[in-house]
Amino acid sequence: MAIPDFQALMLPLLRLCSDGHTHSLAESVETLGNEFNVSPEERQILLKSG
């Protein structure tokens, strides 16, 4: 699967944030990665800007 873009990630991220709990960045990345079936190799890819 292609890595989701900003627009595709926004609604699932907002849903995660709306549950009333505090989520760390790592937890949010893990949750969104799982939702979009992003492989561990794809999760290691960084933008050119870092």
Protein backbone atom coordinates (compact mmCIF):
# COMPACT_ATOMS: atom_id res chain seq x y z
CA MET A 1 0.00 0.00 0.00
CA ALA A 2 1.13 3.52 -0.67
CA ILE A 3 1.85 5.67 2.33
CA PRO A 4 -1.27 7.76 3.07
CA ASP A 5 -1.06 11.49 2.45
CA PHE A 6 -2.00 14.26 4.87
CA GLN A 7 -5.62 14.45 3.69
CA ALA A 8 -6.18 10.71 4.12
CA LEU A 9 -4.72 10.73 7.64
CA MET A 10 -6.64 13.73 8.97
CA LEU A 11 -10.06 12.16 9.69
CA PRO A 12 -8.69 9.03 11.43
CA LEU A 13 -6.34 11.26 13.47
CA LEU A 14 -9.21 13.53 14.51
CA ARG A 15 -11.26 10.49 15.51
CA LEU A 16 -8.36 9.25 17.64
CA CYS A 17 -8.00 12.66 19.30
CA SER A 18 -11.72 12.96 20.00
CA ASP A 19 -11.90 9.97 22.34
CA GLY A 20 -11.16 12.09 25.38
CA HIS A 21 -7.82 10.46 26.17
CA THR A 22 -4.28 11.74 25.84
CA HIS A 23 -2.26 9.96 23.15
CA SER A 24 1.49 10.15 22.64
CA LEU A 25 2.91 10.76 19.19
CA ALA A 26 4.27 7.20 19.09
CA GLU A 27 0.86 5.76 20.00
CA SER A 28 -0.84 7.90 17.36
CA VAL A 29 1.63 6.82 14.68
CA GLU A 30 1.16 3.18 15.66
CA THR A 31 -2.64 3.44 15.61
CA LEU A 32 -2.76 5.19 12.25
CA GLY A 33 -0.17 2.84 10.77
CA ASN A 34 -2.25 -0.12 11.80
CA GLU A 35 -5.45 1.42 10.43
CA PHE A 36 -3.84 1.99 7.03
CA ASN A 37 -1.92 -1.32 7.03
CA VAL A 38 1.43 0.46 6.67
CA SER A 39 4.27 -2.07 6.81
CA PRO A 40 7.14 -1.69 9.29
CA GLU A 41 9.47 -0.90 6.37
CA GLU A 42 7.17 1.87 5.12
CA ARG A 43 6.99 3.34 8.63
CA GLN A 44 10.74 3.92 8.53
CA ILE A 45 10.58 6.10 5.39
CA LEU A 46 11.06 9.79 6.10
CA LEU A 47 10.27 12.83 3.99
CA LYS A 48 13.25 14.64 2.49
CA SER A 49 12.66 17.35 5.08
CA GLY A 50 13.08 14.75 7.84
